[in-house]
C-alpha atoms as a PDB file:
ATOM      1  CA  MET A   1     -22.730  10.355   3.149  1.00  0.00           C
ATOM      2  CA  PRO A   2     -22.034   7.888   5.632  1.00  0.00           C
ATOM      3  CA  GLU A   3     -22.836   8.714   9.039  1.00  0.00           C
ATOM      4  CA  ALA A   4     -19.363   8.134  10.350  1.00  0.00           C
ATOM      5  CA  SER A   5     -17.750  11.331   7.790  1.00  0.00           C
ATOM      6  CA  VAL A   6     -15.149  12.728   7.414  1.00  0.00           C
ATOM      7  CA  SER A   7     -14.474  15.800   9.636  1.00  0.00           C
ATOM      8  CA  SER A   8     -12.769  18.685   8.550  1.00  0.00           C
ATOM      9  CA  GLU A   9      -9.998  17.968  10.746  1.00  0.00           C
ATOM     10  CA  THR A  10      -9.300  14.467   9.092  1.00  0.00           C
ATOM     11  CA  PRO A  11      -5.375  15.156   7.443  1.00  0.00           C
ATOM     12  CA  ALA A  12      -4.784  15.940   4.617  1.00  0.00           C
ATOM     13  CA  GLY A  13      -3.440  13.171   1.985  1.00  0.00           C
ATOM     14  CA  ALA A  14       0.277  13.060   1.808  1.00  0.00           C
ATOM     15  CA  ALA A  15       2.083  13.425  -0.981  1.00  0.00           C
ATOM     16  CA  HIS A  16       3.120  10.217  -2.663  1.00  0.00           C
ATOM     17  CA  VAL A  17       6.529  11.599  -3.470  1.00  0.00           C
ATOM     18  CA  GLY A  18       9.485   9.091  -4.555  1.00  0.00           C
ATOM     19  CA  SER A  19       9.371   5.302  -3.294  1.00  0.00           C
ATOM     20  CA  PRO A  20       6.867   4.151  -0.673  1.00  0.00           C
ATOM     21  CA  LEU A  21       7.877   2.878   2.334  1.00  0.00           C
ATOM     22  CA  LEU A  22       6.269   0.459   2.753  1.00  0.00           C
ATOM     23  CA  ASP A  23       5.194  -1.723  -0.607  1.00  0.00           C
ATOM     24  CA  ILE A  24       3.662  -5.205  -0.466  1.00  0.00           C
ATOM     25  CA  GLN A  25       2.059  -6.887  -3.530  1.00  0.00           C
ATOM     26  CA  ASP A  26       0.473  -9.814  -3.665  1.00  0.00           C
ATOM     27  CA  LEU A  27       1.040 -11.208  -0.459  1.00  0.00           C
ATOM     28  CA  LYS A  28      -0.784 -14.823   0.537  1.00  0.00           C
ATOM     29  CA  THR A  29      -0.022 -16.097   3.975  1.00  0.00           C
ATOM     30  CA  TYR A  30      -1.147 -19.852   4.972  1.00  0.00           C
ATOM     31  CA  PHE A  31      -2.362 -21.518   7.519  1.00  0.00           C
ATOM     32  CA  HIS A  32      -1.377 -25.344   7.352  1.00  0.00           C
ATOM     33  CA  THR A  33      -4.066 -26.812   9.976  1.00  0.00           C
ATOM     34  CA  ASP A  34      -5.247 -30.508  10.552  1.00  0.00           C
ATOM     35  CA  ASP A  35      -8.556 -29.689   8.866  1.00  0.00           C
ATOM     36  CA  GLY A  36      -6.984 -28.216   5.576  1.00  0.00           C
ATOM     37  CA  THR A  37      -5.525 -24.803   4.425  1.00  0.00           C
ATOM     38  CA  VAL A  38      -7.133 -21.852   6.029  1.00  0.00           C
ATOM     39  CA  LYS A  39      -5.982 -18.985   3.606  1.00  0.00           C
ATOM     40  CA  ALA A  40      -5.645 -15.527   5.695  1.00  0.00           C
ATOM     41  CA  VAL A  41      -4.700 -12.970   3.375  1.00  0.00           C
ATOM     42  CA  ASP A  42      -4.903 -14.234  -0.283  1.00  0.00           C
ATOM     43  CA  GLY A  43      -2.973 -11.481  -2.498  1.00  0.00           C
ATOM     44  CA  VAL A  44      -3.276  -8.649  -0.504  1.00  0.00           C
ATOM     45  CA  SER A  45      -1.319  -5.347  -2.167  1.00  0.00           C
ATOM     46  CA  PHE A  46      -1.130  -1.554  -0.947  1.00  0.00           C
ATOM     47  CA  GLN A  47       1.343   0.741  -0.314  1.00  0.00           C
ATOM     48  CA  ALA A  48       2.408   3.423   2.625  1.00  0.00           C
ATOM     49  CA  TRP A  49       4.399   6.208   2.230  1.00  0.00           C
ATOM     50  CA  PRO A  50       6.337   7.862   5.122  1.00  0.00           C
ATOM     51  CA  GLY A  51       4.028  10.307   7.097  1.00  0.00           C
ATOM     52  CA  GLU A  52       0.658   8.650   5.951  1.00  0.00           C
ATOM     53  CA  THR A  53      -2.092   6.826   7.682  1.00  0.00           C
ATOM     54  CA  VAL A  54      -3.339   4.189   5.650  1.00  0.00           C
ATOM     55  CA  GLY A  55      -6.110   2.535   7.271  1.00  0.00           C
ATOM     56  CA  ILE A  56      -7.179  -1.033   6.787  1.00  0.00           C
ATOM     57  CA  VAL A  57     -11.080  -1.763   7.928  1.00  0.00           C
ATOM     58  CA  GLY A  58     -13.319  -5.011   8.144  1.00  0.00           C
ATOM     59  CA  GLU A  59     -15.420  -7.665   9.816  1.00  0.00           C
ATOM     60  CA  SER A  60     -13.174  -9.634  12.537  1.00  0.00           C
ATOM     61  CA  GLY A  61     -11.180 -12.805  10.480  1.00  0.00           C
ATOM     62  CA  CYS A  62     -10.314 -10.628   7.278  1.00  0.00           C
ATOM     63  CA  GLY A  63      -7.402 -11.063   7.857  1.00  0.00           C
ATOM     64  CA  LYS A  64      -6.068  -7.417   9.006  1.00  0.00           C
ATOM     65  CA  SER A  65      -3.957  -8.656  12.043  1.00  0.00           C
ATOM     66  CA  VAL A  66      -2.650 -11.262   9.844  1.00  0.00           C
ATOM     67  CA  THR A  67      -1.609  -8.705   7.198  1.00  0.00           C
ATOM     68  CA  ALA A  68       0.216  -7.106  10.049  1.00  0.00           C
ATOM     69  CA  LEU A  69       1.451 -10.301  11.391  1.00  0.00           C
ATOM     70  CA  SER A  70       3.092 -10.715   8.194  1.00  0.00           C
ATOM     71  CA  ILE A  71       4.757  -7.445   8.281  1.00  0.00           C
ATOM     72  CA  MET A  72       6.312  -8.019  11.477  1.00  0.00           C
ATOM     73  CA  ARG A  73       7.426 -11.736  11.036  1.00  0.00           C
ATOM     74  CA  LEU A  74       5.647 -12.594  13.730  1.00  0.00           C
ATOM     75  CA  LEU A  75       3.019 -15.244  13.278  1.00  0.00           C
ATOM     76  CA  PRO A  76       3.562 -18.187  14.482  1.00  0.00           C
ATOM     77  CA  MET A  77       5.817 -20.926  11.754  1.00  0.00           C
ATOM     78  CA  PRO A  78       3.940 -23.948  11.327  1.00  0.00           C
ATOM     79  CA  PRO A  79       1.391 -23.451  11.135  1.00  0.00           C
ATOM     80  CA  GLY A  80       1.265 -20.004   9.377  1.00  0.00           C
ATOM     81  CA  LYS A  81       3.625 -19.531   6.087  1.00  0.00           C
ATOM     82  CA  ILE A  82       3.792 -16.776   3.699  1.00  0.00           C
ATOM     83  CA  GLU A  83       3.685 -18.373   0.236  1.00  0.00           C
ATOM     84  CA  GLY A  84       3.908 -15.685  -1.772  1.00  0.00           C
ATOM     85  CA  GLY A  85       4.259 -12.203  -2.510  1.00  0.00           C
ATOM     86  CA  SER A  86       6.448  -9.424  -1.656  1.00  0.00           C
ATOM     87  CA  ILE A  87       7.011  -6.978   1.933  1.00  0.00           C
ATOM     88  CA  LEU A  88       9.055  -4.509   0.510  1.00  0.00           C
ATOM     89  CA  PHE A  89       9.868  -1.953   4.021  1.00  0.00           C
ATOM     90  CA  ASP A  90      12.662   0.485   2.498  1.00  0.00           C
ATOM     91  CA  GLY A  91      13.597  -1.021  -0.248  1.00  0.00           C
ATOM     92  CA  GLU A  92      14.217  -4.041   1.548  1.00  0.00           C
ATOM     93  CA  ASP A  93      11.625  -7.159   1.384  1.00  0.00           C
ATOM     94  CA  LEU A  94      10.943  -8.627   4.459  1.00  0.00           C
ATOM     95  CA  VAL A  95      10.091 -11.935   3.371  1.00  0.00           C
ATOM     96  CA  THR A  96      13.207 -13.094   2.372  1.00  0.00           C
ATOM     97  CA  ALA A  97      15.175 -11.824   5.691  1.00  0.00           C
ATOM     98  CA  SER A  98      17.281 -13.715   7.739  1.00  0.00           C
ATOM     99  CA  PRO A  99      15.860 -13.794  11.367  1.00  0.00           C
ATOM    100  CA  ALA A 100      18.668 -12.208  12.511  1.00  0.00           C
ATOM    101  CA  ARG A 101      17.767  -9.039  10.230  1.00  0.00           C
ATOM    102  CA  MET A 102      13.966  -8.811  11.469  1.00  0.00           C
ATOM    103  CA  ARG A 103      15.104  -8.634  15.544  1.00  0.00           C
ATOM    104  CA  GLN A 104      16.629  -5.837  13.989  1.00  0.00           C
ATOM    105  CA  ILE A 105      13.732  -4.418  12.559  1.00  0.00           C
ATOM    106  CA  ARG A 106      11.303  -5.157  14.805  1.00  0.00           C
ATOM    107  CA  GLY A 107      11.009  -2.245  17.626  1.00  0.00           C
ATOM    108  CA  GLY A 108      13.871  -0.577  15.824  1.00  0.00           C
ATOM    109  CA  LYS A 109      12.209   0.744  12.151  1.00  0.00           C
ATOM    110  CA  ILE A 110       8.663  -0.777  12.147  1.00  0.00           C
ATOM    111  CA  GLY A 111       6.914  -0.366  15.779  1.00  0.00           C
ATOM    112  CA  MET A 112       3.997  -2.502  16.734  1.00  0.00           C
ATOM    113  CA  ILE A 113       0.815  -1.227  19.271  1.00  0.00           C
ATOM    114  CA  PHE A 114      -0.761  -4.683  19.722  1.00  0.00           C
ATOM    115  CA  GLN A 115      -4.555  -5.383  20.759  1.00  0.00           C
ATOM    116  CA  GLU A 116      -4.454  -6.373  24.118  1.00  0.00           C
ATOM    117  CA  PRO A 117      -2.142  -4.464  26.575  1.00  0.00           C
ATOM    118  CA  MET A 118      -2.573  -6.383  29.217  1.00  0.00           C
ATOM    119  CA  THR A 119      -1.785  -9.557  27.852  1.00  0.00           C
ATOM    120  CA  SER A 120       1.094  -8.341  25.715  1.00  0.00           C
ATOM    121  CA  LEU A 121       3.406  -6.239  28.516  1.00  0.00           C
ATOM    122  CA  ASN A 122       5.362  -8.741  30.431  1.00  0.00           C
ATOM    123  CA  PRO A 123       3.094  -9.008  34.122  1.00  0.00           C
ATOM    124  CA  VAL A 124       6.751  -9.659  35.858  1.00  0.00           C
ATOM    125  CA  PHE A 125       8.732  -6.473  34.511  1.00  0.00           C
ATOM    126  CA  THR A 126       8.326  -2.639  35.352  1.00  0.00           C
ATOM    127  CA  VAL A 127       7.340  -0.836  32.640  1.00  0.00           C
ATOM    128  CA  GLY A 128      10.496   0.677  32.900  1.00  0.00           C
ATOM    129  CA  ASN A 129      12.449  -2.636  32.262  1.00  0.00           C
ATOM    130  CA  GLN A 130      10.476  -3.244  29.035  1.00  0.00           C
ATOM    131  CA  ILE A 131      10.877  -0.163  26.910  1.00  0.00           C
ATOM    132  CA  GLU A 132      14.539  -0.354  27.387  1.00  0.00           C
ATOM    133  CA  GLU A 133      15.113  -3.817  26.622  1.00  0.00           C
ATOM    134  CA  ALA A 134      14.536  -2.226  23.332  1.00  0.00           C
ATOM    135  CA  VAL A 135      16.753   0.829  23.594  1.00  0.00           C
ATOM    136  CA  ARG A 136      19.536  -0.931  24.692  1.00  0.00           C
ATOM    137  CA  LEU A 137      18.680  -3.725  22.065  1.00  0.00           C
ATOM    138  CA  HIS A 138      18.417  -0.576  18.958  1.00  0.00           C
ATOM    139  CA  LEU A 139      19.918   2.522  20.157  1.00  0.00           C
ATOM    140  CA  HIS A 140      22.600   0.956  22.572  1.00  0.00           C
ATOM    141  CA  LEU A 141      21.788   3.251  25.519  1.00  0.00           C
ATOM    142  CA  ARG A 142      22.631   1.341  28.964  1.00  0.00           C
ATOM    143  CA  GLY A 143      22.381   2.072  32.725  1.00  0.00           C
ATOM    144  CA  LYS A 144      21.033   5.660  33.347  1.00  0.00           C
ATOM    145  CA  GLU A 145      20.780   6.508  29.563  1.00  0.00           C
ATOM    146  CA  ALA A 146      18.716   3.764  28.983  1.00  0.00           C
ATOM    147  CA  ARG A 147      16.274   5.055  31.735  1.00  0.00           C
ATOM    148  CA  ASP A 148      16.277   8.493  30.937  1.00  0.00           C
ATOM    149  CA  HIS A 149      15.249   7.589  27.636  1.00  0.00           C
ATOM    150  CA  ALA A 150      11.865   5.855  28.775  1.00  0.00           C
ATOM    151  CA  ILE A 151      11.171   7.844  31.356  1.00  0.00           C
ATOM    152  CA  ASP A 152      10.960  10.665  28.427  1.00  0.00           C
ATOM    153  CA  MET A 153       8.989   8.428  26.427  1.00  0.00           C
ATOM    154  CA  LEU A 154       6.340   7.575  28.963  1.00  0.00           C
ATOM    155  CA  ALA A 155       6.160  11.608  29.857  1.00  0.00           C
ATOM    156  CA  LYS A 156       6.085  12.114  26.127  1.00  0.00           C
ATOM    157  CA  VAL A 157       3.071  10.002  25.837  1.00  0.00           C
ATOM    158  CA  GLY A 158       1.285  11.700  28.581  1.00  0.00           C
ATOM    159  CA  ILE A 159       2.211   9.995  31.288  1.00  0.00           C
ATOM    160  CA  PRO A 160       2.189  12.367  34.614  1.00  0.00           C
ATOM    161  CA  SER A 161       5.021  11.657  36.998  1.00  0.00           C
ATOM    162  CA  PRO A 162       7.461   9.364  34.066  1.00  0.00           C
ATOM    163  CA  GLU A 163      10.267   9.371  36.535  1.00  0.00           C
ATOM    164  CA  ALA A 164       7.724   7.293  39.637  1.00  0.00           C
ATOM    165  CA  ARG A 165       5.811   5.637  36.918  1.00  0.00           C
ATOM    166  CA  VAL A 166       8.740   3.841  35.640  1.00  0.00           C
ATOM    167  CA  ASP A 167       9.112   2.074  37.828  1.00  0.00           C
ATOM    168  CA  GLU A 168       5.326   0.844  38.096  1.00  0.00           C
ATOM    169  CA  TYR A 169       4.103  -3.327  36.976  1.00  0.00           C
ATOM    170  CA  PRO A 170       1.441  -3.060  34.522  1.00  0.00           C
ATOM    171  CA  HIS A 171      -1.032  -4.602  36.759  1.00  0.00           C
ATOM    172  CA  GLN A 172      -1.080  -1.130  38.759  1.00  0.00           C
ATOM    173  CA  MET A 173      -1.770   0.742  36.059  1.00  0.00           C
ATOM    174  CA  SER A 174      -5.263   1.180  33.853  1.00  0.00           C
ATOM    175  CA  GLY A 175      -5.837   0.474  30.676  1.00  0.00           C
ATOM    176  CA  GLY A 176      -5.316   3.759  29.300  1.00  0.00           C
ATOM    177  CA  MET A 177      -2.044   3.751  31.081  1.00  0.00           C
ATOM    178  CA  ARG A 178      -1.166   0.389  29.356  1.00  0.00           C
ATOM    179  CA  GLN A 179      -2.486   1.960  26.115  1.00  0.00           C
ATOM    180  CA  ARG A 180      -0.063   4.801  26.777  1.00  0.00           C
ATOM    181  CA  VAL A 181       2.949   2.405  27.596  1.00  0.00           C
ATOM    182  CA  MET A 182       2.552   0.084  24.330  1.00  0.00           C
ATOM    183  CA  ILE A 183       2.780   3.661  22.285  1.00  0.00           C
ATOM    184  CA  ALA A 184       5.981   4.544  24.290  1.00  0.00           C
ATOM    185  CA  MET A 185       7.167   0.625  24.151  1.00  0.00           C
ATOM    186  CA  ALA A 186       7.103   1.061  19.961  1.00  0.00           C
ATOM    187  CA  LEU A 187       7.753   4.767  19.741  1.00  0.00           C
ATOM    188  CA  SER A 188      10.860   4.423  21.823  1.00  0.00           C
ATOM    189  CA  CYS A 189      13.349   3.874  18.447  1.00  0.00           C
ATOM    190  CA  HIS A 190      11.700   6.503  16.836  1.00  0.00           C
ATOM    191  CA  PRO A 191      10.970   3.711  14.039  1.00  0.00           C
ATOM    192  CA  LYS A 192       9.714   4.602  10.310  1.00  0.00           C
ATOM    193  CA  LEU A 193       6.867   2.626  10.805  1.00  0.00           C
ATOM    194  CA  LEU A 194       3.945   2.272  13.395  1.00  0.00           C
ATOM    195  CA  ILE A 195       1.614  -0.679  13.386  1.00  0.00           C
ATOM    196  CA  ALA A 196      -1.497   0.137  15.357  1.00  0.00           C
ATOM    197  CA  ASP A 197      -3.484  -3.035  15.454  1.00  0.00           C
ATOM    198  CA  GLU A 198      -6.851  -1.882  17.795  1.00  0.00           C
ATOM    199  CA  PRO A 199      -5.304   0.567  19.720  1.00  0.00           C
ATOM    200  CA  THR A 200      -8.363   2.009  21.399  1.00  0.00           C
ATOM    201  CA  THR A 201     -10.150  -1.398  21.213  1.00  0.00           C
ATOM    202  CA  ALA A 202     -11.999  -1.822  25.248  1.00  0.00           C
ATOM    203  CA  LEU A 203     -10.799   1.838  25.909  1.00  0.00           C
ATOM    204  CA  ASP A 204     -13.690   4.722  26.651  1.00  0.00           C
ATOM    205  CA  VAL A 205     -14.331   7.429  24.543  1.00  0.00           C
ATOM    206  CA  THR A 206     -12.405  10.231  26.437  1.00  0.00           C
ATOM    207  CA  ILE A 207      -9.604   7.671  26.516  1.00  0.00           C
ATOM    208  CA  GLN A 208      -9.574   6.554  22.610  1.00  0.00           C
ATOM    209  CA  ALA A 209      -9.774  10.155  21.699  1.00  0.00           C
ATOM    210  CA  GLN A 210      -6.489  11.223  23.557  1.00  0.00           C
ATOM    211  CA  ILE A 211      -5.076   7.464  22.309  1.00  0.00           C
ATOM    212  CA  LEU A 212      -5.672   8.978  18.749  1.00  0.00           C
ATOM    213  CA  GLU A 213      -4.416  12.147  19.139  1.00  0.00           C
ATOM    214  CA  LEU A 214      -1.439  11.077  20.463  1.00  0.00           C
ATOM    215  CA  ILE A 215      -0.199   8.653  17.827  1.00  0.00           C
ATOM    216  CA  ARG A 216      -1.270  11.881  15.081  1.00  0.00           C
ATOM    217  CA  SER A 217       0.991  14.239  17.174  1.00  0.00           C
ATOM    218  CA  LEU A 218       3.475  11.876  17.795  1.00  0.00           C
ATOM    219  CA  GLN A 219       3.643  10.945  14.040  1.00  0.00           C
ATOM    220  CA  SER A 220       3.749  15.041  12.512  1.00  0.00           C
ATOM    221  CA  GLU A 221       5.894  15.412  15.071  1.00  0.00           C
ATOM    222  CA  LEU A 222       8.834  11.849  13.393  1.00  0.00           C
ATOM    223  CA  GLY A 223       7.141  11.952   9.918  1.00  0.00           C
ATOM    224  CA  MET A 224       6.293   8.250  10.556  1.00  0.00           C
ATOM    225  CA  ALA A 225       4.358   6.293   8.599  1.00  0.00           C
ATOM    226  CA  VAL A 226       1.057   4.654  10.327  1.00  0.00           C
ATOM    227  CA  GLN A 227      -0.796   1.009   9.264  1.00  0.00           C
ATOM    228  CA  MET A 228      -4.063   1.756  11.301  1.00  0.00           C
ATOM    229  CA  ILE A 229      -5.829  -1.257  11.638  1.00  0.00           C
ATOM    230  CA  THR A 230      -9.398  -1.165  13.319  1.00  0.00           C
ATOM    231  CA  HIS A 231     -12.928  -2.148  12.986  1.00  0.00           C
ATOM    232  CA  ASP A 232     -14.100   1.686  13.924  1.00  0.00           C
ATOM    233  CA  LEU A 233     -14.899   3.600  10.741  1.00  0.00           C
ATOM    234  CA  GLY A 234     -15.026   6.532  13.207  1.00  0.00           C
ATOM    235  CA  VAL A 235     -11.489   6.071  14.060  1.00  0.00           C
ATOM    236  CA  ILE A 236     -11.068   5.605  10.223  1.00  0.00           C
ATOM    237  CA  ALA A 237     -12.646   9.476   9.631  1.00  0.00           C
ATOM    238  CA  GLU A 238     -10.743  11.059  12.207  1.00  0.00           C
ATOM    239  CA  THR A 239      -7.680   9.492  11.381  1.00  0.00           C
ATOM    240  CA  ALA A 240      -6.804   8.364   8.254  1.00  0.00           C
ATOM    241  CA  HIS A 241      -5.362   9.503   4.446  1.00  0.00           C
ATOM    242  CA  ARG A 242      -5.968   6.369   2.453  1.00  0.00           C
ATOM    243  CA  VAL A 243      -8.360   3.528   3.575  1.00  0.00           C
ATOM    244  CA  VAL A 244      -8.024  -0.398   2.698  1.00  0.00           C
ATOM    245  CA  VAL A 245     -11.365  -2.454   3.402  1.00  0.00           C
ATOM    246  CA  MET A 246     -10.595  -5.810   3.563  1.00  0.00           C
ATOM    247  CA  TYR A 247     -13.227  -9.064   3.268  1.00  0.00           C
ATOM    248  CA  ALA A 248     -12.227 -12.439   3.402  1.00  0.00           C
ATOM    249  CA  SER A 249      -8.740 -12.386   2.983  1.00  0.00           C
ATOM    250  CA  LYS A 250      -8.825  -9.640   0.516  1.00  0.00           C
ATOM    251  CA  VAL A 251      -8.834  -6.162  -0.835  1.00  0.00           C
ATOM    252  CA  VAL A 252     -12.258  -5.135  -2.019  1.00  0.00           C
ATOM    253  CA  GLU A 253     -12.054  -1.552  -1.793  1.00  0.00           C
ATOM    254  CA  MET A 254      -9.145   0.760  -1.234  1.00  0.00           C
ATOM    255  CA  ALA A 255      -9.533   4.617  -1.549  1.00  0.00           C
ATOM    256  CA  ASP A 256      -8.386   8.398  -0.443  1.00  0.00           C
ATOM    257  CA  VAL A 257     -11.010   8.576   2.739  1.00  0.00           C
ATOM    258  CA  LYS A 258     -12.477  11.455   1.916  1.00  0.00           C
ATOM    259  CA  GLU A 259     -13.600   9.556  -1.148  1.00  0.00           C
ATOM    260  CA  LEU A 260     -14.395   6.418   0.456  1.00  0.00           C
ATOM    261  CA  PHE A 261     -16.454   7.930   2.793  1.00  0.00           C
ATOM    262  CA  GLY A 262     -18.239  10.464   0.209  1.00  0.00           C
ATOM    263  CA  ARG A 263     -19.284   7.553  -2.375  1.00  0.00           C
ATOM    264  CA  PRO A 264     -17.890   4.341  -1.341  1.00  0.00           C
ATOM    265  CA  ARG A 265     -18.840   1.440  -4.029  1.00  0.00           C
ATOM    266  CA  HIS A 266     -18.606  -1.665  -3.043  1.00  0.00           C
ATOM    267  CA  PRO A 267     -21.558  -3.111  -2.184  1.00  0.00           C
ATOM    268  CA  TYR A 268     -19.490  -4.994   1.383  1.00  0.00           C
ATOM    269  CA  THR A 269     -18.074  -1.355   2.017  1.00  0.00           C
ATOM    270  CA  ARG A 270     -21.560   0.366   2.065  1.00  0.00           C
ATOM    271  CA  GLY A 271     -22.974  -2.163   4.469  1.00  0.00           C
ATOM    272  CA  LEU A 272     -20.456  -1.416   6.791  1.00  0.00           C
ATOM    273  CA  PHE A 273     -20.995   2.608   6.336  1.00  0.00           C
ATOM    274  CA  ARG A 274     -25.724   1.431   6.361  1.00  0.00           C
ATOM    275  CA  SER A 275     -24.162   0.012  10.550  1.00  0.00           C
ATOM    276  CA  ILE A 276     -23.354   2.917  11.812  1.00  0.00           C
ATOM    277  CA  PRO A 277     -25.671   4.243  13.876  1.00  0.00           C
ATOM    278  CA  ALA A 278     -27.275   7.884  13.271  1.00  0.00           C
ATOM    279  CA  ILE A 279     -26.222  10.464  15.867  1.00  0.00           C
ATOM    280  CA  THR A 280     -29.001  13.324  14.138  1.00  0.00           C
ATOM    281  CA  GLY A 281     -32.063  11.318  15.804  1.00  0.00           C
ATOM    282  CA  GLY A 282     -34.353   9.722  13.894  1.00  0.00           C
ATOM    283  CA  HIS A 283     -35.446   6.199  15.491  1.00  0.00           C
ATOM    284  CA  ASP A 284     -34.756   3.882  12.219  1.00  0.00           C
ATOM    285  CA  ARG A 285     -33.512   0.565  12.784  1.00  0.00           C
ATOM    286  CA  LEU A 286     -29.372  -0.375  11.994  1.00  0.00           C
ATOM    287  CA  GLN A 287     -28.916  -1.826   8.509  1.00  0.00           C
ATOM    288  CA  THR A 288     -27.078  -5.015   8.525  1.00  0.00           C
ATOM    289  CA  ILE A 289     -24.928  -7.647   6.477  1.00  0.00           C
ATOM    290  CA  GLU A 290     -26.857 -10.318   6.219  1.00  0.00           C
ATOM    291  CA  GLY A 291     -25.381 -13.975   6.836  1.00  0.00           C
ATOM    292  CA  THR A 292     -22.057 -14.381   8.227  1.00  0.00           C
ATOM    293  CA  VAL A 293     -18.294 -14.279   7.558  1.00  0.00           C
ATOM    294  CA  PRO A 294     -17.708 -17.458   5.762  1.00  0.00           C
ATOM    295  CA  ASN A 295     -15.438 -20.047   7.347  1.00  0.00           C
ATOM    296  CA  PRO A 296     -11.965 -19.727   6.134  1.00  0.00           C
ATOM    297  CA  LEU A 297     -11.978 -23.610   5.525  1.00  0.00           C
ATOM    298  CA  GLU A 298     -14.926 -23.640   2.643  1.00  0.00           C
ATOM    299  CA  PHE A 299     -14.663 -19.577   0.880  1.00  0.00           C
ATOM    300  CA  PRO A 300     -17.344 -19.366  -1.225  1.00  0.00           C
ATOM    301  CA  SER A 301     -16.650 -19.756  -5.223  1.00  0.00           C
ATOM    302  CA  GLY A 302     -16.512 -16.783  -7.068  1.00  0.00           C
ATOM    303  CA  CYS A 303     -16.787 -13.469  -5.573  1.00  0.00           C
ATOM    304  CA  LYS A 304     -16.407 -14.273  -1.441  1.00  0.00           C
ATOM    305  CA  PHE A 305     -19.312 -12.087  -0.548  1.00  0.00           C
ATOM    306  CA  HIS A 306     -21.806 -12.660  -3.013  1.00  0.00           C
ATOM    307  CA  PRO A 307     -23.497 -15.383  -0.027  1.00  0.00           C
ATOM    308  CA  ARG A 308     -24.587 -11.911   1.846  1.00  0.00           C
ATOM    309  CA  CYS A 309     -24.362  -9.291  -1.269  1.00  0.00           C
ATOM    310  CA  THR A 310     -28.041  -7.778  -2.059  1.00  0.00           C
ATOM    311  CA  PHE A 311     -26.924  -7.515  -6.302  1.00  0.00           C
ATOM    312  CA  ALA A 312     -25.084 -11.309  -7.048  1.00  0.00           C
ATOM    313  CA  THR A 313     -26.129 -13.022  -9.490  1.00  0.00           C
ATOM    314  CA  ASP A 314     -25.189 -16.277 -11.027  1.00  0.00           C
ATOM    315  CA  HIS A 315     -22.133 -14.693 -12.878  1.00  0.00           C
ATOM    316  CA  CYS A 316     -21.034 -13.226  -9.035  1.00  0.00           C
ATOM    317  CA  THR A 317     -21.347 -16.885  -7.778  1.00  0.00           C
ATOM    318  CA  LYS A 318     -18.712 -18.098 -10.438  1.00  0.00           C
ATOM    319  CA  HIS A 319     -16.122 -15.577 -10.795  1.00  0.00           C
ATOM    320  CA  GLU A 320     -14.537 -13.961  -8.920  1.00  0.00           C
ATOM    321  CA  PRO A 321     -13.733  -9.849  -9.803  1.00  0.00           C
ATOM    322  CA  GLU A 322     -10.464  -8.198  -9.751  1.00  0.00           C
ATOM    323  CA  LEU A 323      -9.263  -4.970  -7.924  1.00  0.00           C
ATOM    324  CA  LEU A 324      -9.955  -2.702 -10.508  1.00  0.00           C
ATOM    325  CA  ASP A 325      -8.655   1.055 -10.944  1.00  0.00           C
ATOM    326  CA  LEU A 326     -11.810   3.388 -11.181  1.00  0.00           C
ATOM    327  CA  GLY A 327     -10.184   6.349 -11.526  1.00  0.00           C
ATOM    328  CA  GLU A 328      -8.307   8.902  -8.705  1.00  0.00           C
ATOM    329  CA  GLY A 329      -6.525   5.485  -7.555  1.00  0.00           C
ATOM    330  CA  HIS A 330     -10.499   4.519  -5.874  1.00  0.00           C
ATOM    331  CA  LEU A 331     -10.490   0.767  -6.481  1.00  0.00           C
ATOM    332  CA  SER A 332     -12.933  -1.620  -6.034  1.00  0.00           C
ATOM    333  CA  ALA A 333     -13.650  -5.630  -6.591  1.00  0.00           C
ATOM    334  CA  CYS A 334     -17.054  -5.998  -8.116  1.00  0.00           C
ATOM    335  CA  TRP A 335     -18.961  -7.113 -11.080  1.00  0.00           C
ATOM    336  CA  LEU A 336     -21.111  -4.140 -11.153  1.00  0.00           C
ATOM    337  CA  THR A 337     -17.997  -1.250 -11.065  1.00  0.00           C
ATOM    338  CA  ASP A 338     -15.964  -3.247 -13.560  1.00  0.00           C
ATOM    339  CA  PRO A 339     -16.527  -1.324 -16.613  1.00  0.00           C
ATOM    340  CA  SER A 340     -14.883  -4.315 -18.952  1.00  0.00           C
ATOM    341  CA  GLY A 341     -17.572  -6.648 -17.259  1.00  0.00           C
ATOM    342  CA  PRO A 342     -20.912  -7.977 -17.970  1.00  0.00           C
ATOM    343  CA  MET A 343     -22.876  -6.974 -14.950  1.00  0.00           C
ATOM    344  CA  TYR A 344     -21.595  -3.360 -15.125  1.00  0.00           C
ATOM    345  CA  ASP A 345     -24.003  -1.052 -13.112  1.00  0.00           C
ATOM    346  CA  PRO A 346     -22.663   1.662 -11.314  1.00  0.00           C
ATOM    347  CA  GLU A 347     -26.056   2.952 -10.752  1.00  0.00           C
ATOM    348  CA  LYS A 348     -26.417   0.443  -8.011  1.00  0.00           C
ATOM    349  CA  VAL A 349     -23.362   1.133  -6.363  1.00  0.00           C
ATOM    350  CA  SER A 350     -23.169   5.279  -6.520  1.00  0.00           C
END
């Protein structure tokens, strides 16, 4: 069992009834640069149901944030472009939605917490002005109604004296307070889906715990789906129902959080777990994943993880594995876990 184990308080898996709220199929997002084409997201598929938290993990550069920005249609175009696939949200394909339609969906039906609140909040407007802008656009509130709604949202995310704080500027607040303002903005119009991109980055552990508990309680209250993007497996263990593991633009493993933490199958996922510091004592050195993340302009042939994988063979260097269901919704893209493949050896990754 990995050290960042799933606690008994981890929420039970959301019931998958009816159609998923978010259904991404074979999403391909590329950046066309002077040096070549960067395939930042290349054939990614996953779903999220109402009330469910889907965690997306992986090293920097694996495609987590680009996937989120593709959903929101916030990519710089050019050089970015969604080259293929579909993003069905509540039955509507966001890939083909018009810019006007996306402006209605962003903030209204899909909220997003960005990585760094100090750069995401506008420094020349008060936090109240910035929350009010969203509710004026999507809830059609004006004047005192919009201001009162902003104050209510600040109170809901646990900001003390919201009547005074609503007139403050971002620089007058601490990092934790700014992050709470970002959450208030993202939830101000009661979205069906919340995308949280590294919501606890650069926060101390006490504030981090408060932010995660806040998101969890608001999710329970509003019944929304949450897409939690992070590199922190501890955050995933505490919040997620299902986990999507990405590496070099692709999904390499996907499973229920308890299944993934109890029995990770892909060598990359196992490498992530082995790099977690132990809290039970001992002085063993941390195990690392040798090598570096590949240059997206020069991805290796075959399995993209093979240059760093201790189990890799010549077959891995030439043939890319498919993401296969190993049973009970546990998917893995590795030749060692493919029962029909020439290298099937479940003992090595179990």
